[in-house]
Amino acid sequence: MTYRIVGVDDYNIVIEFRKDNKEITFKSYDEAEKYKQLIVKEAIIPSKYKLTIKE
């Protein structure tokens, strides 16, 4: 099973995280959660996006 991080804003605009034109996925929920925390800490995307982890 793989996990991915998705961001959604108030207007239901969805963002996905990609590298080299491939979606970034994680093998464990914990790994995805750590990356999500890094995104928030480093302010990589605007704070208006609610980040969730999906299978």
N, C-alpha and C. Protein backbone atom coordinates (compact mmCIF):
# COMPACT_ATOMS: atom_id res chain seq x y z
N MET A 1 0.85 -1.17 0.00
CA MET A 1 0.00 0.00 0.00
C MET A 1 0.89 1.24 0.00
N THR A 2 0.49 2.24 -0.76
CA THR A 2 1.24 3.50 -0.78
C THR A 2 0.34 4.65 -0.33
N TYR A 3 0.98 5.69 0.15
CA TYR A 3 0.28 6.87 0.64
C TYR A 3 0.78 8.08 -0.14
N ARG A 4 -0.09 9.09 -0.24
CA ARG A 4 0.28 10.33 -0.90
C ARG A 4 -0.31 11.49 -0.13
N ILE A 5 0.28 12.65 -0.33
CA ILE A 5 -0.19 13.87 0.34
C ILE A 5 -0.93 14.72 -0.68
N VAL A 6 -2.10 15.19 -0.28
CA VAL A 6 -2.94 16.01 -1.15
C VAL A 6 -3.32 17.27 -0.38
N GLY A 7 -3.30 18.39 -1.06
CA GLY A 7 -3.73 19.65 -0.46
C GLY A 7 -4.99 20.15 -1.13
N VAL A 8 -5.92 20.68 -0.34
CA VAL A 8 -7.17 21.22 -0.87
C VAL A 8 -7.42 22.57 -0.20
N ASP A 9 -7.82 23.56 -1.01
CA ASP A 9 -8.13 24.87 -0.41
C ASP A 9 -9.64 25.06 -0.31
N ASP A 10 -10.05 26.24 0.10
CA ASP A 10 -11.49 26.53 0.31
C ASP A 10 -12.31 26.47 -0.97
N TYR A 11 -11.66 26.58 -2.12
CA TYR A 11 -12.35 26.55 -3.40
C TYR A 11 -12.26 25.17 -4.06
N ASN A 12 -11.85 24.18 -3.27
CA ASN A 12 -11.68 22.79 -3.73
C ASN A 12 -10.64 22.66 -4.84
N ILE A 13 -9.67 23.55 -4.84
CA ILE A 13 -8.53 23.39 -5.73
C ILE A 13 -7.59 22.39 -5.08
N VAL A 14 -7.26 21.34 -5.81
CA VAL A 14 -6.46 20.25 -5.28
C VAL A 14 -5.03 20.35 -5.82
N ILE A 15 -4.07 20.15 -4.92
CA ILE A 15 -2.68 20.08 -5.36
C ILE A 15 -2.11 18.73 -4.95
N GLU A 16 -1.24 18.21 -5.78
CA GLU A 16 -0.53 16.97 -5.49
C GLU A 16 0.95 17.28 -5.53
N PHE A 17 1.74 16.48 -4.89
CA PHE A 17 3.16 16.71 -4.84
C PHE A 17 3.86 15.77 -5.82
N ARG A 18 4.67 16.38 -6.70
CA ARG A 18 5.33 15.63 -7.76
C ARG A 18 6.81 15.99 -7.80
N LYS A 19 7.59 15.05 -8.29
CA LYS A 19 9.02 15.28 -8.53
C LYS A 19 9.36 14.57 -9.83
N ASP A 20 10.03 15.27 -10.71
CA ASP A 20 10.36 14.73 -12.04
C ASP A 20 9.12 14.21 -12.75
N ASN A 21 8.03 14.94 -12.60
CA ASN A 21 6.74 14.65 -13.24
C ASN A 21 6.12 13.33 -12.77
N LYS A 22 6.50 12.86 -11.58
CA LYS A 22 5.91 11.66 -10.99
C LYS A 22 5.40 12.01 -9.59
N GLU A 23 4.23 11.50 -9.28
CA GLU A 23 3.65 11.78 -7.97
C GLU A 23 4.53 11.20 -6.87
N ILE A 24 4.72 11.97 -5.81
CA ILE A 24 5.51 11.50 -4.67
C ILE A 24 4.61 10.61 -3.82
N THR A 25 5.05 9.37 -3.60
CA THR A 25 4.29 8.44 -2.76
C THR A 25 5.20 7.91 -1.66
N PHE A 26 4.58 7.37 -0.64
CA PHE A 26 5.30 6.88 0.53
C PHE A 26 4.83 5.47 0.86
N LYS A 27 5.75 4.65 1.37
CA LYS A 27 5.43 3.26 1.68
C LYS A 27 4.70 3.11 3.00
N SER A 28 4.83 4.10 3.88
CA SER A 28 4.15 4.01 5.17
C SER A 28 3.46 5.34 5.49
N TYR A 29 2.44 5.25 6.34
CA TYR A 29 1.72 6.44 6.77
C TYR A 29 2.67 7.36 7.55
N ASP A 30 3.52 6.77 8.39
CA ASP A 30 4.44 7.58 9.19
C ASP A 30 5.40 8.38 8.31
N GLU A 31 5.88 7.76 7.25
CA GLU A 31 6.77 8.45 6.32
C GLU A 31 6.05 9.62 5.66
N ALA A 32 4.81 9.42 5.26
CA ALA A 32 4.02 10.49 4.66
C ALA A 32 3.76 11.61 5.67
N GLU A 33 3.47 11.24 6.90
CA GLU A 33 3.21 12.23 7.95
C GLU A 33 4.45 13.09 8.21
N LYS A 34 5.62 12.49 8.23
CA LYS A 34 6.85 13.26 8.43
C LYS A 34 7.06 14.25 7.30
N TYR A 35 6.80 13.83 6.08
CA TYR A 35 6.95 14.73 4.93
C TYR A 35 5.91 15.85 4.99
N LYS A 36 4.71 15.51 5.39
CA LYS A 36 3.65 16.53 5.53
C LYS A 36 4.06 17.58 6.56
N GLN A 37 4.63 17.14 7.67
CA GLN A 37 5.09 18.08 8.70
C GLN A 37 6.20 18.98 8.17
N LEU A 38 7.07 18.42 7.35
CA LEU A 38 8.15 19.21 6.74
C LEU A 38 7.57 20.29 5.82
N ILE A 39 6.56 19.91 5.02
CA ILE A 39 5.91 20.87 4.12
C ILE A 39 5.34 22.03 4.91
N VAL A 40 4.68 21.73 6.02
CA VAL A 40 4.09 22.78 6.86
C VAL A 40 5.18 23.63 7.50
N LYS A 41 6.19 22.98 8.06
CA LYS A 41 7.27 23.70 8.76
C LYS A 41 8.02 24.62 7.80
N GLU A 42 8.33 24.14 6.61
CA GLU A 42 9.11 24.91 5.65
C GLU A 42 8.25 25.86 4.83
N ALA A 43 6.93 25.85 5.05
CA ALA A 43 5.99 26.72 4.32
C ALA A 43 6.18 26.58 2.81
N ILE A 44 6.24 25.33 2.35
CA ILE A 44 6.45 25.04 0.94
C ILE A 44 5.24 25.46 0.10
N ILE A 45 4.06 25.33 0.66
CA ILE A 45 2.84 25.77 -0.02
C ILE A 45 2.10 26.75 0.89
N PRO A 46 1.20 27.55 0.35
CA PRO A 46 0.45 28.49 1.19
C PRO A 46 -0.35 27.76 2.27
N SER A 47 -0.48 28.37 3.41
CA SER A 47 -1.17 27.75 4.54
C SER A 47 -2.67 27.60 4.31
N LYS A 48 -3.19 28.19 3.23
CA LYS A 48 -4.62 28.06 2.94
C LYS A 48 -5.00 26.64 2.52
N TYR A 49 -4.02 25.81 2.19
CA TYR A 49 -4.29 24.44 1.79
C TYR A 49 -4.33 23.51 2.99
N LYS A 50 -5.38 22.70 3.06
CA LYS A 50 -5.48 21.68 4.10
C LYS A 50 -4.83 20.41 3.54
N LEU A 51 -3.81 19.92 4.21
CA LEU A 51 -3.10 18.74 3.74
C LEU A 51 -3.66 17.49 4.37
N THR A 52 -3.87 16.47 3.54
CA THR A 52 -4.34 15.18 4.03
C THR A 52 -3.48 14.09 3.41
N ILE A 53 -3.48 12.96 4.07
CA ILE A 53 -2.75 11.78 3.56
C ILE A 53 -3.79 10.79 3.08
N LYS A 54 -3.62 10.35 1.86
CA LYS A 54 -4.57 9.40 1.26
C LYS A 54 -3.85 8.13 0.83
N GLU A 55 -4.60 7.04 0.83
CA GLU A 55 -4.05 5.77 0.34
C GLU A 55 -4.15 5.71 -1.15
